[in-house]
C-alpha atoms as a PDB file:
ATOM      1  CA  MET A   1      -0.096  -0.038   0.069  1.00  0.00           C
ATOM      2  CA  ASN A   2       1.541   3.399  -1.098  1.00  0.00           C
ATOM      3  CA  LYS A   3       1.869   6.337   1.209  1.00  0.00           C
ATOM      4  CA  LYS A   4      -0.867   8.437  -0.402  1.00  0.00           C
ATOM      5  CA  LEU A   5      -3.578   5.562  -0.220  1.00  0.00           C
ATOM      6  CA  ARG A   6      -2.371   4.837   3.198  1.00  0.00           C
ATOM      7  CA  LYS A   7      -3.090   8.202   4.512  1.00  0.00           C
ATOM      8  CA  PHE A   8      -6.272   8.154   2.584  1.00  0.00           C
ATOM      9  CA  THR A   9      -7.481   5.018   4.354  1.00  0.00           C
ATOM     10  CA  VAL A  10      -6.543   6.534   7.582  1.00  0.00           C
ATOM     11  CA  VAL A  11      -8.645   9.544   7.176  1.00  0.00           C
ATOM     12  CA  ILE A  12     -11.781   7.583   5.968  1.00  0.00           C
ATOM     13  CA  PRO A  13     -12.760   6.140   9.143  1.00  0.00           C
ATOM     14  CA  LEU A  14     -12.551   9.412  11.036  1.00  0.00           C
ATOM     15  CA  LEU A  15     -14.830  10.992   8.188  1.00  0.00           C
ATOM     16  CA  ILE A  16     -17.203   7.836   8.640  1.00  0.00           C
ATOM     17  CA  ILE A  17     -17.379   8.650  12.447  1.00  0.00           C
ATOM     18  CA  VAL A  18     -18.429  12.194  11.805  1.00  0.00           C
ATOM     19  CA  LEU A  19     -21.104  11.166   9.378  1.00  0.00           C
ATOM     20  CA  LEU A  20     -22.370   8.454  12.020  1.00  0.00           C
ATOM     21  CA  SER A  21     -22.365  10.990  14.719  1.00  0.00           C
ATOM     22  CA  PHE A  22     -24.256  13.442  12.561  1.00  0.00           C
ATOM     23  CA  PHE A  23     -26.740  10.610  11.777  1.00  0.00           C
ATOM     24  CA  ALA A  24     -27.237   9.534  15.532  1.00  0.00           C
ATOM     25  CA  VAL A  25     -28.008  13.052  16.579  1.00  0.00           C
ATOM     26  CA  THR A  26     -31.189  13.161  14.402  1.00  0.00           C
ATOM     27  CA  VAL A  27     -32.620   9.552  15.145  1.00  0.00           C
ATOM     28  CA  GLY A  28     -33.943   8.593  18.459  1.00  0.00           C
ATOM     29  CA  THR A  29     -37.406   8.807  20.340  1.00  0.00           C
ATOM     30  CA  LYS A  30     -37.898  12.192  18.523  1.00  0.00           C
ATOM     31  CA  PHE A  31     -36.594  12.463  14.926  1.00  0.00           C
ATOM     32  CA  ILE A  32     -34.881  16.027  14.477  1.00  0.00           C
ATOM     33  CA  SER A  33     -34.537  17.313  10.851  1.00  0.00           C
ATOM     34  CA  PRO A  34     -30.938  17.588   9.749  1.00  0.00           C
ATOM     35  CA  LEU A  35     -32.215  20.767   7.921  1.00  0.00           C
ATOM     36  CA  SER A  36     -33.115  22.296  11.275  1.00  0.00           C
ATOM     37  CA  ILE A  37     -29.723  21.874  12.566  1.00  0.00           C
ATOM     38  CA  PHE A  38     -28.022  23.142   9.802  1.00  0.00           C
ATOM     39  CA  SER A  39     -30.101  26.251   9.672  1.00  0.00           C
ATOM     40  CA  ASN A  40     -30.235  26.562  13.523  1.00  0.00           C
ATOM     41  CA  THR A  41     -33.937  26.793  13.623  1.00  0.00           C
ATOM     42  CA  LEU A  42     -34.422  24.153  16.394  1.00  0.00           C
ATOM     43  CA  SER A  43     -37.154  24.589  19.011  1.00  0.00           C
ATOM     44  CA  ASP A  44     -36.030  24.815  22.725  1.00  0.00           C
ATOM     45  CA  ILE A  45     -37.236  21.028  23.242  1.00  0.00           C
ATOM     46  CA  ASP A  46     -35.138  19.850  20.335  1.00  0.00           C
ATOM     47  CA  ARG A  47     -32.167  21.868  21.226  1.00  0.00           C
ATOM     48  CA  THR A  48     -32.081  20.590  24.609  1.00  0.00           C
ATOM     49  CA  ILE A  49     -32.518  17.062  23.229  1.00  0.00           C
ATOM     50  CA  VAL A  50     -29.440  17.481  20.891  1.00  0.00           C
ATOM     51  CA  THR A  51     -26.947  19.438  23.261  1.00  0.00           C
ATOM     52  CA  ARG A  52     -27.914  17.921  26.512  1.00  0.00           C
ATOM     53  CA  LEU A  53     -28.662  14.377  25.867  1.00  0.00           C
ATOM     54  CA  ARG A  54     -27.536  13.174  22.524  1.00  0.00           C
ATOM     55  CA  VAL A  55     -24.397  15.140  21.546  1.00  0.00           C
ATOM     56  CA  PRO A  56     -22.543  14.153  25.144  1.00  0.00           C
ATOM     57  CA  ARG A  57     -23.901  10.441  24.811  1.00  0.00           C
ATOM     58  CA  ILE A  58     -22.103  10.538  21.320  1.00  0.00           C
ATOM     59  CA  LEU A  59     -18.944  11.657  22.563  1.00  0.00           C
ATOM     60  CA  ILE A  60     -18.968   9.627  25.546  1.00  0.00           C
ATOM     61  CA  SER A  61     -19.705   6.232  23.426  1.00  0.00           C
ATOM     62  CA  ILE A  62     -17.002   7.074  20.870  1.00  0.00           C
ATOM     63  CA  LEU A  63     -14.557   7.674  23.707  1.00  0.00           C
ATOM     64  CA  CYS A  64     -15.697   4.484  25.230  1.00  0.00           C
ATOM     65  CA  GLY A  65     -15.128   2.605  22.059  1.00  0.00           C
ATOM     66  CA  ALA A  66     -11.774   4.131  21.493  1.00  0.00           C
ATOM     67  CA  LEU A  67     -10.574   2.947  25.019  1.00  0.00           C
ATOM     68  CA  LEU A  68     -11.752  -0.404  24.351  1.00  0.00           C
ATOM     69  CA  GLY A  69     -10.326  -0.818  20.926  1.00  0.00           C
ATOM     70  CA  GLY A  70      -7.181   0.678  21.822  1.00  0.00           C
ATOM     71  CA  THR A  71      -6.823  -1.545  24.975  1.00  0.00           C
ATOM     72  CA  GLY A  72      -7.791  -4.707  23.032  1.00  0.00           C
ATOM     73  CA  ALA A  73      -5.050  -3.830  20.333  1.00  0.00           C
ATOM     74  CA  VAL A  74      -2.252  -3.425  22.968  1.00  0.00           C
ATOM     75  CA  PHE A  75      -3.417  -6.499  25.098  1.00  0.00           C
ATOM     76  CA  GLN A  76      -3.219  -8.687  22.098  1.00  0.00           C
ATOM     77  CA  GLY A  77       0.066  -7.605  21.180  1.00  0.00           C
ATOM     78  CA  PHE A  78       1.527  -7.760  24.350  1.00  0.00           C
ATOM     79  CA  PHE A  79       0.093 -11.498  25.539  1.00  0.00           C
ATOM     80  CA  ARG A  80       0.429 -12.333  21.766  1.00  0.00           C
ATOM     81  CA  ASN A  81      -3.135 -13.501  21.852  1.00  0.00           C
ATOM     82  CA  PRO A  82      -5.409 -12.469  19.098  1.00  0.00           C
ATOM     83  CA  LEU A  83      -8.552 -13.288  21.594  1.00  0.00           C
ATOM     84  CA  ALA A  84      -7.329 -10.826  24.197  1.00  0.00           C
ATOM     85  CA  ASP A  85      -9.318  -7.672  25.105  1.00  0.00           C
ATOM     86  CA  SER A  86      -9.653  -5.373  27.987  1.00  0.00           C
ATOM     87  CA  GLY A  87     -11.572  -7.982  30.246  1.00  0.00           C
ATOM     88  CA  ILE A  88      -8.837 -10.088  30.316  1.00  0.00           C
ATOM     89  CA  MET A  89      -6.999  -8.516  33.299  1.00  0.00           C
ATOM     90  CA  GLY A  90     -10.039  -8.707  35.559  1.00  0.00           C
ATOM     91  CA  ILE A  91     -10.786  -4.966  35.392  1.00  0.00           C
ATOM     92  CA  SER A  92     -14.332  -5.449  34.637  1.00  0.00           C
ATOM     93  CA  SER A  93     -14.850  -7.655  37.453  1.00  0.00           C
ATOM     94  CA  GLY A  94     -13.213  -5.160  39.696  1.00  0.00           C
ATOM     95  CA  ALA A  95     -15.560  -2.507  38.359  1.00  0.00           C
ATOM     96  CA  THR A  96     -18.659  -4.711  38.964  1.00  0.00           C
ATOM     97  CA  PHE A  97     -17.704  -5.477  42.297  1.00  0.00           C
ATOM     98  CA  GLY A  98     -17.081  -1.634  43.113  1.00  0.00           C
ATOM     99  CA  ALA A  99     -20.884  -1.025  41.342  1.00  0.00           C
ATOM    100  CA  VAL A 100     -22.693  -3.234  43.398  1.00  0.00           C
ATOM    101  CA  LEU A 101     -20.713  -2.320  46.646  1.00  0.00           C
ATOM    102  CA  SER A 102     -21.887   1.197  46.031  1.00  0.00           C
ATOM    103  CA  GLY A 103     -25.550  -0.061  46.812  1.00  0.00           C
ATOM    104  CA  LEU A 104     -24.570  -1.118  50.190  1.00  0.00           C
ATOM    105  CA  ILE A 105     -22.609   1.804  51.559  1.00  0.00           C
ATOM    106  CA  PRO A 106     -24.618   4.865  52.652  1.00  0.00           C
ATOM    107  CA  VAL A 107     -23.090   7.871  51.257  1.00  0.00           C
ATOM    108  CA  SER A 108     -24.306  11.371  52.385  1.00  0.00           C
ATOM    109  CA  ALA A 109     -22.255  13.577  50.023  1.00  0.00           C
ATOM    110  CA  GLY A 110     -23.460  14.103  46.761  1.00  0.00           C
ATOM    111  CA  PHE A 111     -21.508  13.316  43.756  1.00  0.00           C
ATOM    112  CA  VAL A 112     -21.291  15.345  40.453  1.00  0.00           C
ATOM    113  CA  ILE A 113     -21.564  11.903  38.467  1.00  0.00           C
ATOM    114  CA  SER A 114     -23.418   8.618  39.325  1.00  0.00           C
ATOM    115  CA  ARG A 115     -22.498   7.231  42.448  1.00  0.00           C
ATOM    116  CA  VAL A 116     -22.089   3.688  40.676  1.00  0.00           C
ATOM    117  CA  SER A 117     -19.477   5.301  38.248  1.00  0.00           C
ATOM    118  CA  VAL A 118     -17.399   6.304  41.003  1.00  0.00           C
ATOM    119  CA  PHE A 119     -17.302   2.972  43.084  1.00  0.00           C
ATOM    120  CA  ALA A 120     -16.922   1.101  39.890  1.00  0.00           C
ATOM    121  CA  PHE A 121     -13.849   3.182  38.897  1.00  0.00           C
ATOM    122  CA  ALA A 122     -12.438   2.532  42.273  1.00  0.00           C
ATOM    123  CA  GLY A 123     -12.980  -1.027  41.989  1.00  0.00           C
ATOM    124  CA  ALA A 124     -11.462  -1.251  38.590  1.00  0.00           C
ATOM    125  CA  LEU A 125      -8.188   0.150  39.783  1.00  0.00           C
ATOM    126  CA  LEU A 126      -8.279  -1.852  42.823  1.00  0.00           C
ATOM    127  CA  SER A 127      -8.466  -4.681  40.826  1.00  0.00           C
ATOM    128  CA  ALA A 128      -5.533  -3.593  38.588  1.00  0.00           C
ATOM    129  CA  LEU A 129      -3.548  -2.873  41.661  1.00  0.00           C
ATOM    130  CA  CYS A 130      -4.126  -6.549  43.070  1.00  0.00           C
ATOM    131  CA  VAL A 131      -3.074  -8.050  39.789  1.00  0.00           C
ATOM    132  CA  TYR A 132       0.159  -6.017  39.868  1.00  0.00           C
ATOM    133  CA  LEU A 133       0.870  -6.934  43.509  1.00  0.00           C
ATOM    134  CA  VAL A 134       0.013 -10.545  43.051  1.00  0.00           C
ATOM    135  CA  SER A 135       2.096 -10.704  39.771  1.00  0.00           C
ATOM    136  CA  LYS A 136       5.286  -9.268  41.538  1.00  0.00           C
ATOM    137  CA  ILE A 137       5.220 -12.163  44.007  1.00  0.00           C
ATOM    138  CA  PHE A 138       6.291 -14.593  41.284  1.00  0.00           C
ATOM    139  CA  ARG A 139       9.938 -14.427  40.127  1.00  0.00           C
ATOM    140  CA  GLU A 140       9.087 -15.195  36.672  1.00  0.00           C
ATOM    141  CA  ARG A 141       7.192 -12.080  35.566  1.00  0.00           C
ATOM    142  CA  SER A 142       6.231 -12.955  32.382  1.00  0.00           C
ATOM    143  CA  SER A 143       2.999 -12.134  30.413  1.00  0.00           C
ATOM    144  CA  VAL A 144       1.871 -15.499  31.264  1.00  0.00           C
ATOM    145  CA  THR A 145       2.059 -14.863  35.063  1.00  0.00           C
ATOM    146  CA  LEU A 146       0.292 -11.268  34.542  1.00  0.00           C
ATOM    147  CA  LEU A 147      -2.744 -13.143  32.364  1.00  0.00           C
ATOM    148  CA  LEU A 148      -3.048 -15.787  35.098  1.00  0.00           C
ATOM    149  CA  SER A 149      -2.783 -13.113  37.893  1.00  0.00           C
ATOM    150  CA  GLY A 150      -5.712 -11.377  36.047  1.00  0.00           C
ATOM    151  CA  THR A 151      -7.801 -14.426  35.633  1.00  0.00           C
ATOM    152  CA  ALA A 152      -7.672 -15.401  39.318  1.00  0.00           C
ATOM    153  CA  ILE A 153      -8.444 -11.782  40.637  1.00  0.00           C
ATOM    154  CA  GLY A 154     -11.143 -11.223  38.157  1.00  0.00           C
ATOM    155  CA  THR A 155     -12.881 -14.363  39.344  1.00  0.00           C
ATOM    156  CA  PHE A 156     -12.414 -13.455  42.822  1.00  0.00           C
ATOM    157  CA  PHE A 157     -13.981 -10.117  42.620  1.00  0.00           C
ATOM    158  CA  SER A 158     -16.905 -11.812  40.457  1.00  0.00           C
ATOM    159  CA  ALA A 159     -17.504 -13.970  43.282  1.00  0.00           C
ATOM    160  CA  LEU A 160     -17.591 -11.219  45.785  1.00  0.00           C
ATOM    161  CA  ALA A 161     -20.205  -9.227  43.389  1.00  0.00           C
ATOM    162  CA  SER A 162     -22.393 -12.348  43.186  1.00  0.00           C
ATOM    163  CA  ILE A 163     -22.561 -12.720  47.049  1.00  0.00           C
ATOM    164  CA  ILE A 164     -23.489  -8.920  47.246  1.00  0.00           C
ATOM    165  CA  ILE A 165     -26.202  -9.378  44.459  1.00  0.00           C
ATOM    166  CA  LEU A 166     -27.517 -12.488  46.044  1.00  0.00           C
ATOM    167  CA  THR A 167     -27.614 -11.096  49.622  1.00  0.00           C
ATOM    168  CA  CYS A 168     -29.061  -7.494  48.693  1.00  0.00           C
ATOM    169  CA  GLU A 169     -32.089  -7.259  46.736  1.00  0.00           C
ATOM    170  CA  ARG A 170     -32.173  -3.469  46.315  1.00  0.00           C
ATOM    171  CA  ASP A 171     -31.435  -1.791  42.955  1.00  0.00           C
ATOM    172  CA  LEU A 172     -31.068  -5.407  41.194  1.00  0.00           C
ATOM    173  CA  HIS A 173     -32.441  -4.121  37.948  1.00  0.00           C
ATOM    174  CA  SER A 174     -30.273  -1.122  37.907  1.00  0.00           C
ATOM    175  CA  LEU A 175     -27.442  -3.275  38.604  1.00  0.00           C
ATOM    176  CA  TYR A 176     -28.209  -5.626  35.927  1.00  0.00           C
ATOM    177  CA  ALA A 177     -28.751  -2.823  33.472  1.00  0.00           C
ATOM    178  CA  TRP A 178     -25.300  -1.548  34.402  1.00  0.00           C
ATOM    179  CA  THR A 179     -23.686  -4.912  33.968  1.00  0.00           C
ATOM    180  CA  CYS A 180     -25.125  -5.133  30.520  1.00  0.00           C
ATOM    181  CA  GLY A 181     -23.509  -1.896  29.535  1.00  0.00           C
ATOM    182  CA  SER A 182     -25.361   1.288  28.907  1.00  0.00           C
ATOM    183  CA  PHE A 183     -25.000   4.981  28.153  1.00  0.00           C
ATOM    184  CA  ASN A 184     -28.411   6.032  29.048  1.00  0.00           C
ATOM    185  CA  ALA A 185     -28.809   9.423  31.322  1.00  0.00           C
ATOM    186  CA  LYS A 186     -24.838   9.918  30.570  1.00  0.00           C
ATOM    187  CA  GLY A 187     -24.189  13.698  30.079  1.00  0.00           C
ATOM    188  CA  TRP A 188     -21.848  16.487  30.144  1.00  0.00           C
ATOM    189  CA  ASN A 189     -20.770  15.766  33.698  1.00  0.00           C
ATOM    190  CA  GLU A 190     -19.670  12.115  33.352  1.00  0.00           C
ATOM    191  CA  LEU A 191     -17.840  13.240  30.084  1.00  0.00           C
ATOM    192  CA  ALA A 192     -16.008  16.009  32.004  1.00  0.00           C
ATOM    193  CA  VAL A 193     -14.966  13.654  34.871  1.00  0.00           C
ATOM    194  CA  PHE A 194     -13.429  11.221  32.555  1.00  0.00           C
ATOM    195  CA  VAL A 195     -12.128  12.953  29.749  1.00  0.00           C
ATOM    196  CA  ILE A 196      -8.754  13.797  31.174  1.00  0.00           C
ATOM    197  CA  PRO A 197      -7.923  10.473  32.552  1.00  0.00           C
ATOM    198  CA  SER A 198      -9.368   8.792  29.181  1.00  0.00           C
ATOM    199  CA  VAL A 199      -7.107  11.025  27.349  1.00  0.00           C
ATOM    200  CA  ILE A 200      -4.011  10.326  29.411  1.00  0.00           C
ATOM    201  CA  ALA A 201      -4.775   6.350  29.014  1.00  0.00           C
ATOM    202  CA  LEU A 202      -5.113   6.746  25.295  1.00  0.00           C
ATOM    203  CA  VAL A 203      -1.855   8.461  24.908  1.00  0.00           C
ATOM    204  CA  MET A 204      -0.140   5.816  27.101  1.00  0.00           C
ATOM    205  CA  LEU A 205      -1.632   3.338  24.755  1.00  0.00           C
ATOM    206  CA  MET A 206      -0.214   4.826  21.585  1.00  0.00           C
ATOM    207  CA  LEU A 207       3.162   5.309  23.190  1.00  0.00           C
ATOM    208  CA  SER A 208       3.388   1.595  23.941  1.00  0.00           C
ATOM    209  CA  SER A 209       3.459   0.827  20.187  1.00  0.00           C
ATOM    210  CA  LYS A 210       7.185   0.656  19.620  1.00  0.00           C
ATOM    211  CA  HIS A 211       7.825  -1.724  22.470  1.00  0.00           C
ATOM    212  CA  LEU A 212       5.088  -4.000  21.371  1.00  0.00           C
ATOM    213  CA  ASP A 213       6.855  -4.234  17.588  1.00  0.00           C
ATOM    214  CA  VAL A 214       9.878  -5.675  19.559  1.00  0.00           C
ATOM    215  CA  LEU A 215       7.706  -8.013  21.574  1.00  0.00           C
ATOM    216  CA  VAL A 216       6.420  -9.684  18.219  1.00  0.00           C
ATOM    217  CA  CYS A 217       9.804 -11.797  18.223  1.00  0.00           C
ATOM    218  CA  GLY A 218       9.041 -12.845  21.805  1.00  0.00           C
ATOM    219  CA  GLU A 219       9.898 -12.017  25.437  1.00  0.00           C
ATOM    220  CA  GLN A 220      13.498 -13.336  25.331  1.00  0.00           C
ATOM    221  CA  SER A 221      14.485 -12.125  22.079  1.00  0.00           C
ATOM    222  CA  ALA A 222      13.140  -8.782  23.210  1.00  0.00           C
ATOM    223  CA  LYS A 223      15.173  -8.633  26.021  1.00  0.00           C
ATOM    224  CA  ALA A 224      18.384  -9.592  23.914  1.00  0.00           C
ATOM    225  CA  PHE A 225      17.581  -6.371  21.821  1.00  0.00           C
ATOM    226  CA  GLY A 226      17.745  -4.439  25.034  1.00  0.00           C
ATOM    227  CA  LEU A 227      14.249  -4.074  25.890  1.00  0.00           C
ATOM    228  CA  ASN A 228      13.196  -3.272  29.520  1.00  0.00           C
ATOM    229  CA  TYR A 229      10.732  -5.767  30.053  1.00  0.00           C
ATOM    230  CA  ASN A 230       9.660  -5.001  33.494  1.00  0.00           C
ATOM    231  CA  PHE A 231       9.222  -1.157  32.593  1.00  0.00           C
ATOM    232  CA  VAL A 232       7.014  -2.097  29.258  1.00  0.00           C
ATOM    233  CA  ARG A 233       5.065  -4.563  31.342  1.00  0.00           C
ATOM    234  CA  ASN A 234       4.097  -2.132  33.989  1.00  0.00           C
ATOM    235  CA  TRP A 235       3.557   0.644  31.488  1.00  0.00           C
ATOM    236  CA  ILE A 236       1.017  -1.758  29.651  1.00  0.00           C
ATOM    237  CA  LEU A 237      -0.418  -2.743  32.687  1.00  0.00           C
ATOM    238  CA  ILE A 238      -1.217   0.984  33.985  1.00  0.00           C
ATOM    239  CA  ALA A 239      -2.390   2.254  30.585  1.00  0.00           C
ATOM    240  CA  GLY A 240      -4.556  -0.769  29.881  1.00  0.00           C
ATOM    241  CA  SER A 241      -6.065  -0.558  33.381  1.00  0.00           C
ATOM    242  CA  LEU A 242      -6.750   2.953  33.296  1.00  0.00           C
ATOM    243  CA  ALA A 243      -8.262   2.621  29.765  1.00  0.00           C
ATOM    244  CA  SER A 244     -10.622  -0.215  30.904  1.00  0.00           C
ATOM    245  CA  ALA A 245     -11.381   1.606  34.173  1.00  0.00           C
ATOM    246  CA  CYS A 246     -12.663   4.721  32.450  1.00  0.00           C
ATOM    247  CA  ALA A 247     -14.553   2.715  29.758  1.00  0.00           C
ATOM    248  CA  VAL A 248     -16.263   0.511  32.489  1.00  0.00           C
ATOM    249  CA  CYS A 249     -17.274   3.705  34.405  1.00  0.00           C
ATOM    250  CA  GLU A 250     -18.491   5.518  31.077  1.00  0.00           C
ATOM    251  CA  GLY A 251     -20.585   2.746  29.849  1.00  0.00           C
ATOM    252  CA  GLY A 252     -20.621  -0.317  32.212  1.00  0.00           C
ATOM    253  CA  ILE A 253     -19.444  -3.769  31.161  1.00  0.00           C
ATOM    254  CA  ILE A 254     -19.365  -3.876  27.230  1.00  0.00           C
ATOM    255  CA  SER A 255     -17.719  -6.850  25.509  1.00  0.00           C
ATOM    256  CA  PHE A 256     -16.186  -7.728  22.524  1.00  0.00           C
ATOM    257  CA  VAL A 257     -15.357  -4.168  21.167  1.00  0.00           C
ATOM    258  CA  GLY A 258     -11.494  -4.683  22.133  1.00  0.00           C
ATOM    259  CA  LEU A 259     -11.715  -7.924  20.183  1.00  0.00           C
ATOM    260  CA  ILE A 260     -13.445  -6.876  17.184  1.00  0.00           C
ATOM    261  CA  ALA A 261     -12.022  -3.578  16.289  1.00  0.00           C
ATOM    262  CA  PRO A 262      -8.179  -4.851  16.457  1.00  0.00           C
ATOM    263  CA  HIS A 263      -9.061  -7.713  14.321  1.00  0.00           C
ATOM    264  CA  ILE A 264     -10.656  -5.695  11.441  1.00  0.00           C
ATOM    265  CA  VAL A 265      -7.801  -3.178  11.670  1.00  0.00           C
ATOM    266  CA  ARG A 266      -5.095  -5.890  11.447  1.00  0.00           C
ATOM    267  CA  LYS A 267      -6.419  -7.252   8.250  1.00  0.00           C
ATOM    268  CA  ILE A 268      -6.755  -3.686   6.646  1.00  0.00           C
ATOM    269  CA  TYR A 269      -3.600  -2.008   7.971  1.00  0.00           C
ATOM    270  CA  GLY A 270      -1.169  -4.765   8.871  1.00  0.00           C
ATOM    271  CA  PRO A 271       0.439  -5.673  12.164  1.00  0.00           C
ATOM    272  CA  LYS A 272       2.537  -2.390  12.773  1.00  0.00           C
ATOM    273  CA  HIS A 273       1.445  -1.444  16.233  1.00  0.00           C
ATOM    274  CA  LYS A 274       1.541   2.289  15.662  1.00  0.00           C
ATOM    275  CA  ILE A 275      -1.196   2.310  13.108  1.00  0.00           C
ATOM    276  CA  LEU A 276      -2.683  -0.744  14.513  1.00  0.00           C
ATOM    277  CA  ILE A 277      -3.591   0.834  18.007  1.00  0.00           C
ATOM    278  CA  PHE A 278      -4.579   4.197  16.549  1.00  0.00           C
ATOM    279  CA  GLU A 279      -6.922   2.646  13.957  1.00  0.00           C
ATOM    280  CA  SER A 280      -8.305   0.195  16.590  1.00  0.00           C
ATOM    281  CA  MET A 281      -9.305   3.265  18.697  1.00  0.00           C
ATOM    282  CA  VAL A 282     -10.972   4.696  15.524  1.00  0.00           C
ATOM    283  CA  TYR A 283     -12.714   1.662  14.587  1.00  0.00           C
ATOM    284  CA  GLY A 284     -13.712   1.020  18.258  1.00  0.00           C
ATOM    285  CA  GLY A 285     -15.422   4.341  18.602  1.00  0.00           C
ATOM    286  CA  ALA A 286     -17.118   3.662  15.374  1.00  0.00           C
ATOM    287  CA  LEU A 287     -18.366   0.151  16.362  1.00  0.00           C
ATOM    288  CA  MET A 288     -19.433   1.542  19.743  1.00  0.00           C
ATOM    289  CA  LEU A 289     -21.358   4.507  18.171  1.00  0.00           C
ATOM    290  CA  VAL A 290     -23.411   2.203  16.043  1.00  0.00           C
ATOM    291  CA  SER A 291     -24.197  -0.267  18.544  1.00  0.00           C
ATOM    292  CA  ASP A 292     -25.349   2.541  20.964  1.00  0.00           C
ATOM    293  CA  THR A 293     -27.566   4.384  18.052  1.00  0.00           C
ATOM    294  CA  ILE A 294     -28.964   0.605  17.434  1.00  0.00           C
ATOM    295  CA  ALA A 295     -29.616   0.188  21.153  1.00  0.00           C
ATOM    296  CA  ARG A 296     -31.534   3.412  21.774  1.00  0.00           C
ATOM    297  CA  THR A 297     -33.509   3.301  18.515  1.00  0.00           C
ATOM    298  CA  VAL A 298     -34.524  -0.293  17.478  1.00  0.00           C
ATOM    299  CA  ILE A 299     -37.313  -0.404  20.258  1.00  0.00           C
ATOM    300  CA  SER A 300     -37.728   2.958  20.825  1.00  0.00           C
ATOM    301  CA  PRO A 301     -38.885   4.665  23.340  1.00  0.00           C
ATOM    302  CA  ALA A 302     -37.328   1.831  25.362  1.00  0.00           C
ATOM    303  CA  GLU A 303     -33.774   0.890  25.218  1.00  0.00           C
ATOM    304  CA  ILE A 304     -31.536  -2.087  24.900  1.00  0.00           C
ATOM    305  CA  PRO A 305     -28.448  -2.225  26.691  1.00  0.00           C
ATOM    306  CA  VAL A 306     -25.376  -1.450  24.341  1.00  0.00           C
ATOM    307  CA  GLY A 307     -23.475  -4.332  25.800  1.00  0.00           C
ATOM    308  CA  ILE A 308     -26.198  -6.662  24.209  1.00  0.00           C
ATOM    309  CA  ILE A 309     -25.803  -5.378  20.882  1.00  0.00           C
ATOM    310  CA  THR A 310     -22.212  -5.587  21.019  1.00  0.00           C
ATOM    311  CA  SER A 311     -22.508  -9.267  22.273  1.00  0.00           C
ATOM    312  CA  LEU A 312     -24.916 -10.149  19.217  1.00  0.00           C
ATOM    313  CA  ILE A 313     -22.018  -8.686  16.918  1.00  0.00           C
ATOM    314  CA  GLY A 314     -19.367 -10.122  18.838  1.00  0.00           C
ATOM    315  CA  VAL A 315     -20.142 -13.762  19.276  1.00  0.00           C
ATOM    316  CA  PRO A 316     -20.175 -14.914  15.685  1.00  0.00           C
ATOM    317  CA  PHE A 317     -17.068 -12.672  15.503  1.00  0.00           C
ATOM    318  CA  PHE A 318     -15.321 -14.550  18.143  1.00  0.00           C
ATOM    319  CA  PHE A 319     -16.080 -18.215  16.400  1.00  0.00           C
ATOM    320  CA  PHE A 320     -14.828 -16.800  13.086  1.00  0.00           C
ATOM    321  CA  ALA A 321     -11.709 -15.644  14.691  1.00  0.00           C
ATOM    322  CA  LEU A 322     -11.434 -19.179  16.235  1.00  0.00           C
ATOM    323  CA  VAL A 323     -11.982 -20.815  12.955  1.00  0.00           C
ATOM    324  CA  LYS A 324      -9.199 -18.446  11.308  1.00  0.00           C
ATOM    325  CA  MET A 325      -6.679 -19.320  14.160  1.00  0.00           C
ATOM    326  CA  ASN A 326      -6.941 -23.005  13.425  1.00  0.00           C
ATOM    327  CA  GLY A 327      -6.525 -22.282   9.742  1.00  0.00           C
ATOM    328  CA  GLY A 328     -10.375 -23.466   8.800  1.00  0.00           C
ATOM    329  CA  LYS A 329      -9.829 -26.815  10.112  1.00  0.00           C
ATOM    330  CA  LYS A 330     -12.824 -28.539  11.976  1.00  0.00           C
END
């Protein structure tokens, strides 16, 4: 692929996101004419719907998708596992534990954003810290050790969350909806709180690209080339954990975006991680925006949790990826 064509194919997804965003602004429980938006002749009600409800929700969904897509690309490169995604480190389980715990702890002070989101963010970071501390115990600090630590910690927090849910019947419906993933009732406050840590996480993910290109040849070979593996390992753990925590707090538990986006990008742009990670963010944002638009319009005025839409898309894609990994053999 020549340079001009490569630049063109990089720009196209960004233009598609802009078009999808404009389409998403117009559709919903109430259709808003594109002409009224362009001519600035919106009624007060329509203006409120656009500026206070749809625009922040669109931005949050794109940001969440970018976080999940970028994290999936980085984790797939680091673990050298094409089926890895943002949930592999147990971050989602820690966030779920924090979310269900928020229903048990009475808090008198008000929050700028949802209390569930605050506790979920804390739970996600707690899970990441536990993974890091557990993995440090072992002398052999390889990616496999990190992966197994994440699986164990994630299972532990899932068990704790299940105990709380079974013993506390309050707010079960809202907690269930949160675990299915949803951007409902998310607005400018949520975006303002999480935009800075989200941008930091995205930048950290992008900066890991050169290290991941070296890791392609294996951990031992990378160390022979002079790569500081422990530094890279900790950097990716922090970046992926922060990105996953922000994504979970913005939209709840949303699966498969971090799996689908990197696979599509890898087929189009190749394995070089600088372009792979960036475009995985772009494609992840586009996929999340499309999924959320479907979720809030297909049975309008009711909503389907966006996590259900991404799962319906992701499950067949997951099996397709498995078939490709096995070379099409049954």
